[in-house]
Amino acid sequence: MPFENLSLESIEKRLATREIGRSSTPNEVWETIGSTNTRAAELADQGASAGTFVVARQQTAGRGRLGRTWVSPHNAGIYLSVLLRPQELRGSHLAPITLACGVAVARAVERVAGVKLGLKWVNDLVYDGRKIGGILAEMPSGSTSQRALIIGFGLNMRMESGDVPEELRDKIGWLEAVAKAPLDSNQLAAELLLELETVYEQLKARLSKPILEEWRSRSVTLGQEITVSSGLNSLSGTAVDIDESGALLVKSSDGQIHLIHAGEVTIRTRDGKYI
């Protein structure tokens, strides 16, 4: 398969969605941008319609959860953000939305690449202990964006070791290395948007239970002995489940169950290995 850069025309030609990517506001593709999430938030504040997406071939200020930097080299991944405008939106909705988006990406990757990724709570996609992708759900503030929800996706497609900072080289992977074949980034982006629309419609219809069950089946976190860190505090125990709010349930050695909420923690196994 010949390599093809991310292209708005190619993604839109492959789209099978009903609403996402088909709004009255033009979708955007950028050669280089600071952050697709930041640009989508700007569009939200300007009154852009639900379903508008922004895709970039490179990000210079990509970001992940808890303020971390997201490595986004040129033509090495899919950097994509979608603007949604749910009728009801609170901060407590972000965790289950993020989990649902993880399911959506995992489905799309499995269909296009034949690779089954694991889902690490709350927003990472992993394979064999290496991070392949991540999700960042945000609610931007602004006079016209009170009901705006931005879903950002970063998915590593093809990278060279020199693209990755030395301290991250044993933690980051990419899909073409796992699939052992070249992949069509435009087809994967279109499939991702279709699966996002599917899970989003389920969430709006309050049909989150099957999505959370699928997340559990794909989880690499549940059943693990982990250490959860938040600020100066840490908690060791076993990740036993998630609840309907998306919180992680951790059972400590004294048998107590602790609820860990999105935005509070980083997770590592007791020996420090990334999961």
Protein backbone atom coordinates (compact mmCIF):
# COMPACT_ATOMS: atom_id res chain seq x y z
CA MET A 1 0.00 0.00 0.00
CA PRO A 2 1.56 3.36 -0.99
CA PHE A 3 1.97 5.88 1.78
CA GLU A 4 -0.66 8.62 1.71
CA ASN A 5 -0.60 11.66 3.96
CA LEU A 6 -3.69 12.55 5.95
CA SER A 7 -5.99 14.36 3.56
CA LEU A 8 -9.32 16.02 4.22
CA GLU A 9 -10.58 14.92 0.81
CA SER A 10 -9.53 11.32 1.43
CA ILE A 11 -11.08 11.16 4.91
CA GLU A 12 -14.36 12.73 3.78
CA LYS A 13 -14.53 10.39 0.76
CA ARG A 14 -14.36 7.40 3.12
CA LEU A 15 -16.80 8.74 5.74
CA ALA A 16 -19.80 6.57 6.55
CA THR A 17 -21.13 8.80 9.34
CA ARG A 18 -24.50 10.52 9.45
CA GLU A 19 -23.49 13.67 11.36
CA ILE A 20 -19.81 13.78 12.31
CA GLY A 21 -17.81 15.41 9.56
CA ARG A 22 -20.98 16.57 7.79
CA SER A 23 -21.79 19.82 9.59
CA SER A 24 -22.29 23.18 7.91
CA THR A 25 -18.92 24.28 9.29
CA PRO A 26 -16.01 23.17 7.07
CA ASN A 27 -13.70 20.55 8.50
CA GLU A 28 -10.03 21.49 8.60
CA VAL A 29 -6.72 19.81 7.82
CA TRP A 30 -3.47 21.45 8.91
CA GLU A 31 0.06 20.68 7.83
CA THR A 32 1.28 21.88 11.23
CA ILE A 33 -0.71 23.22 14.16
CA GLY A 34 -0.15 23.77 17.85
CA SER A 35 -3.00 21.56 19.01
CA THR A 36 -6.07 20.26 17.20
CA ASN A 37 -8.00 20.42 20.48
CA THR A 38 -7.12 24.10 20.88
CA ARG A 39 -8.22 24.82 17.30
CA ALA A 40 -11.49 22.90 17.77
CA ALA A 41 -12.16 24.94 20.92
CA GLU A 42 -11.59 28.14 18.93
CA LEU A 43 -14.10 26.95 16.33
CA ALA A 44 -16.55 26.12 19.13
CA ASP A 45 -16.25 29.64 20.50
CA GLN A 46 -16.91 31.00 17.00
CA GLY A 47 -20.17 29.04 16.85
CA ALA A 48 -19.06 26.07 14.74
CA SER A 49 -21.58 23.26 14.32
CA ALA A 50 -21.50 19.90 16.06
CA GLY A 51 -19.64 17.27 14.10
CA THR A 52 -16.89 19.56 12.82
CA PHE A 53 -13.44 17.99 13.01
CA VAL A 54 -9.86 19.24 12.80
CA VAL A 55 -7.01 16.99 11.67
CA ALA A 56 -3.28 17.73 11.48
CA ARG A 57 -0.19 16.07 10.07
CA GLN A 58 1.89 17.50 12.92
CA GLN A 59 1.26 19.16 16.28
CA THR A 60 3.84 21.38 17.93
CA ALA A 61 1.97 21.73 21.23
CA GLY A 62 -0.04 18.52 21.42
CA ARG A 63 -1.11 17.70 24.93
CA GLY A 64 -2.37 14.76 26.87
CA ARG A 65 -4.06 14.24 30.19
CA LEU A 66 -2.77 16.03 33.32
CA GLY A 67 -0.97 18.61 31.20
CA ARG A 68 1.49 16.16 29.65
CA THR A 69 3.05 16.78 26.23
CA TRP A 70 1.87 14.53 23.39
CA VAL A 71 4.64 13.66 20.92
CA SER A 72 3.23 14.47 17.45
CA PRO A 73 5.91 14.22 14.71
CA HIS A 74 5.15 15.13 11.10
CA ASN A 75 3.13 12.48 9.19
CA ALA A 76 3.72 9.98 12.01
CA GLY A 77 0.21 9.72 13.39
CA ILE A 78 -3.43 10.71 13.37
CA TYR A 79 -4.00 13.93 15.32
CA LEU A 80 -7.71 14.57 15.24
CA SER A 81 -10.23 16.56 17.29
CA VAL A 82 -14.02 16.55 16.99
CA LEU A 83 -16.47 19.19 18.21
CA LEU A 84 -19.67 17.88 19.76
CA ARG A 85 -22.50 19.82 21.37
CA PRO A 86 -24.44 17.55 23.76
CA GLN A 87 -27.62 18.95 25.29
CA GLU A 88 -26.39 18.01 28.76
CA LEU A 89 -22.74 18.23 29.73
CA ARG A 90 -21.02 18.26 33.11
CA GLY A 91 -17.47 17.58 34.20
CA SER A 92 -18.58 14.25 35.63
CA HIS A 93 -19.49 13.12 32.10
CA LEU A 94 -15.89 13.26 30.84
CA ALA A 95 -14.75 9.93 32.32
CA PRO A 96 -17.45 7.72 30.75
CA ILE A 97 -17.13 9.67 27.48
CA THR A 98 -13.37 9.04 27.49
CA LEU A 99 -13.87 5.33 28.17
CA ALA A 100 -16.43 5.12 25.35
CA CYS A 101 -14.01 6.86 22.99
CA GLY A 102 -11.36 4.30 23.90
CA VAL A 103 -13.75 1.56 22.82
CA ALA A 104 -14.41 3.44 19.57
CA VAL A 105 -10.71 3.73 18.72
CA ALA A 106 -10.03 0.10 19.63
CA ARG A 107 -12.85 -1.05 17.33
CA ALA A 108 -11.57 1.08 14.44
CA VAL A 109 -7.99 -0.10 14.85
CA GLU A 110 -9.06 -3.73 15.02
CA ARG A 111 -11.08 -3.37 11.81
CA VAL A 112 -8.46 -1.52 9.79
CA ALA A 113 -5.19 -2.87 11.20
CA GLY A 114 -6.22 -6.24 12.58
CA VAL A 115 -4.61 -5.27 15.90
CA LYS A 116 -6.39 -5.61 19.23
CA LEU A 117 -5.30 -2.76 21.47
CA GLY A 118 -5.70 -2.82 25.23
CA LEU A 119 -7.40 0.03 27.10
CA LYS A 120 -5.63 1.48 30.10
CA TRP A 121 -7.76 3.55 32.46
CA VAL A 122 -8.63 6.22 31.78
CA ASN A 123 -7.54 7.39 28.34
CA ASP A 124 -4.69 5.31 26.90
CA LEU A 125 -4.52 2.70 24.15
CA VAL A 126 -1.68 0.24 24.58
CA TYR A 127 -0.08 -2.81 23.03
CA ASP A 128 2.40 -5.03 24.85
CA GLY A 129 3.01 -2.40 27.52
CA ARG A 130 3.63 0.43 25.06
CA LYS A 131 1.36 3.43 24.52
CA ILE A 132 -0.04 3.55 20.98
CA GLY A 133 -2.60 6.30 21.42
CA GLY A 134 -4.55 8.50 23.78
CA ILE A 135 -7.74 10.49 24.14
CA LEU A 136 -8.31 13.94 25.61
CA ALA A 137 -11.91 15.04 26.28
CA GLU A 138 -12.32 18.70 27.21
CA MET A 139 -15.07 21.24 27.82
CA PRO A 140 -13.78 24.61 26.56
CA SER A 141 -15.00 27.78 28.20
CA GLY A 142 -16.29 30.70 26.17
CA SER A 143 -19.37 32.78 25.57
CA THR A 144 -20.79 30.51 22.85
CA SER A 145 -19.25 27.18 23.85
CA GLN A 146 -20.99 26.34 27.12
CA ARG A 147 -22.23 23.08 25.64
CA ALA A 148 -19.14 22.32 23.62
CA LEU A 149 -17.31 19.03 24.04
CA ILE A 150 -13.98 18.50 22.32
CA ILE A 151 -12.75 14.95 21.81
CA GLY A 152 -9.09 14.75 20.83
CA PHE A 153 -7.42 11.61 19.48
CA GLY A 154 -3.72 10.96 19.08
CA LEU A 155 -2.77 7.68 17.43
CA ASN A 156 0.80 6.69 16.54
CA MET A 157 0.93 5.27 13.03
CA ARG A 158 4.53 5.23 11.81
CA MET A 159 7.53 6.57 13.69
CA GLU A 160 11.30 6.38 13.78
CA SER A 161 13.16 5.94 17.04
CA GLY A 162 14.58 9.43 16.56
CA ASP A 163 11.04 10.84 16.64
CA VAL A 164 10.63 9.76 20.26
CA PRO A 165 12.46 11.35 23.22
CA GLU A 166 14.98 8.90 24.66
CA GLU A 167 13.19 8.70 28.00
CA LEU A 168 10.01 7.52 26.24
CA ARG A 169 11.46 4.98 23.80
CA ASP A 170 10.53 1.97 25.94
CA LYS A 171 7.04 3.34 26.57
CA ILE A 172 5.76 4.36 23.10
CA GLY A 173 4.83 2.15 20.14
CA TRP A 174 3.15 2.62 16.77
CA LEU A 175 0.60 0.71 14.79
CA GLU A 176 2.55 -0.16 11.67
CA ALA A 177 5.25 -1.81 13.78
CA VAL A 178 2.60 -3.89 15.55
CA ALA A 179 0.65 -4.72 12.38
CA LYS A 180 3.90 -5.33 10.46
CA ALA A 181 2.34 -3.67 7.44
CA PRO A 182 1.70 -0.18 6.04
CA LEU A 183 -1.71 1.21 7.00
CA ASP A 184 -4.12 3.71 5.45
CA SER A 185 -4.31 6.62 7.89
CA ASN A 186 -7.24 8.19 6.06
CA GLN A 187 -9.30 4.99 6.24
CA LEU A 188 -8.49 4.60 9.93
CA ALA A 189 -9.46 8.23 10.62
CA ALA A 190 -12.79 7.69 8.82
CA GLU A 191 -13.47 4.46 10.74
CA LEU A 192 -12.58 6.18 14.00
CA LEU A 193 -15.11 8.94 13.30
CA LEU A 194 -17.78 6.35 12.50
CA GLU A 195 -17.16 4.43 15.73
CA LEU A 196 -17.11 7.69 17.70
CA GLU A 197 -20.52 8.56 16.29
CA THR A 198 -21.82 5.09 17.21
CA VAL A 199 -20.75 5.23 20.87
CA TYR A 200 -21.78 8.88 21.19
CA GLU A 201 -25.30 8.07 20.02
CA GLN A 202 -25.43 5.25 22.56
CA LEU A 203 -24.35 7.57 25.35
CA LYS A 204 -26.95 10.15 24.37
CA ALA A 205 -29.58 7.39 24.47
CA ARG A 206 -28.32 6.46 27.96
CA LEU A 207 -27.13 3.08 26.71
CA SER A 208 -23.71 3.18 28.34
CA LYS A 209 -23.83 -0.27 29.98
CA PRO A 210 -22.77 -2.32 26.91
CA ILE A 211 -20.00 0.19 26.15
CA LEU A 212 -18.60 -0.08 29.68
CA GLU A 213 -18.82 -3.87 29.44
CA GLU A 214 -16.77 -3.77 26.24
CA TRP A 215 -14.27 -1.45 27.91
CA ARG A 216 -13.90 -3.99 30.72
CA SER A 217 -13.29 -6.78 28.20
CA ARG A 218 -10.50 -4.77 26.56
CA SER A 219 -8.98 -3.39 29.78
CA VAL A 220 -5.34 -3.95 30.69
CA THR A 221 -5.85 -2.23 34.05
CA LEU A 222 -8.51 -4.35 35.74
CA GLY A 223 -7.11 -7.21 37.79
CA GLN A 224 -3.70 -5.55 38.02
CA GLU A 225 -1.79 -4.74 41.18
CA ILE A 226 -1.26 -1.01 40.77
CA THR A 227 -0.14 2.15 42.47
CA VAL A 228 -2.31 5.19 41.98
CA SER A 229 -0.62 8.57 42.45
CA SER A 230 -2.31 11.93 42.94
CA GLY A 231 -0.16 14.86 43.92
CA LEU A 232 1.88 13.82 46.95
CA ASN A 233 -0.47 10.96 47.81
CA SER A 234 -0.41 7.40 46.53
CA LEU A 235 -2.51 4.28 46.96
CA SER A 236 -1.53 0.68 46.24
CA GLY A 237 -4.04 -2.06 45.60
CA THR A 238 -5.85 -4.09 42.97
CA ALA A 239 -7.88 -2.46 40.20
CA VAL A 240 -11.13 -4.43 40.50
CA ASP A 241 -13.69 -2.60 38.36
CA ILE A 242 -15.10 0.66 37.01
CA ASP A 243 -18.48 2.09 37.99
CA GLU A 244 -21.11 3.79 35.83
CA SER A 245 -19.44 7.17 36.30
CA GLY A 246 -16.19 5.80 34.88
CA ALA A 247 -14.40 5.87 38.24
CA LEU A 248 -11.80 3.18 38.87
CA LEU A 249 -12.43 0.95 41.89
CA VAL A 250 -9.24 0.00 43.70
CA LYS A 251 -9.16 -2.51 46.54
CA SER A 252 -6.41 -1.82 49.06
CA SER A 253 -4.72 -4.44 51.25
CA ASP A 254 -7.15 -3.74 54.11
CA GLY A 255 -10.06 -4.71 51.88
CA GLN A 256 -11.38 -1.17 51.48
CA ILE A 257 -12.66 -0.10 48.05
CA HIS A 258 -11.47 3.31 46.87
CA LEU A 259 -13.07 5.26 44.00
CA ILE A 260 -10.51 6.98 41.77
CA HIS A 261 -11.87 9.67 39.46
CA ALA A 262 -10.54 10.88 36.12
CA GLY A 263 -8.14 13.78 36.24
CA GLU A 264 -6.68 12.79 39.60
CA VAL A 265 -4.21 10.00 38.99
CA THR A 266 -1.38 8.36 37.15
CA ILE A 267 -1.13 4.59 37.25
CA ARG A 268 1.85 2.26 37.28
CA THR A 269 2.31 -1.30 38.44
CA ARG A 270 4.15 -1.83 41.71
CA ASP A 271 7.41 -2.52 39.83
CA GLY A 272 7.04 0.75 37.92
CA LYS A 273 6.08 -0.81 34.58
CA TYR A 274 3.62 1.14 32.46
CA ILE A 275 0.20 -0.45 31.90
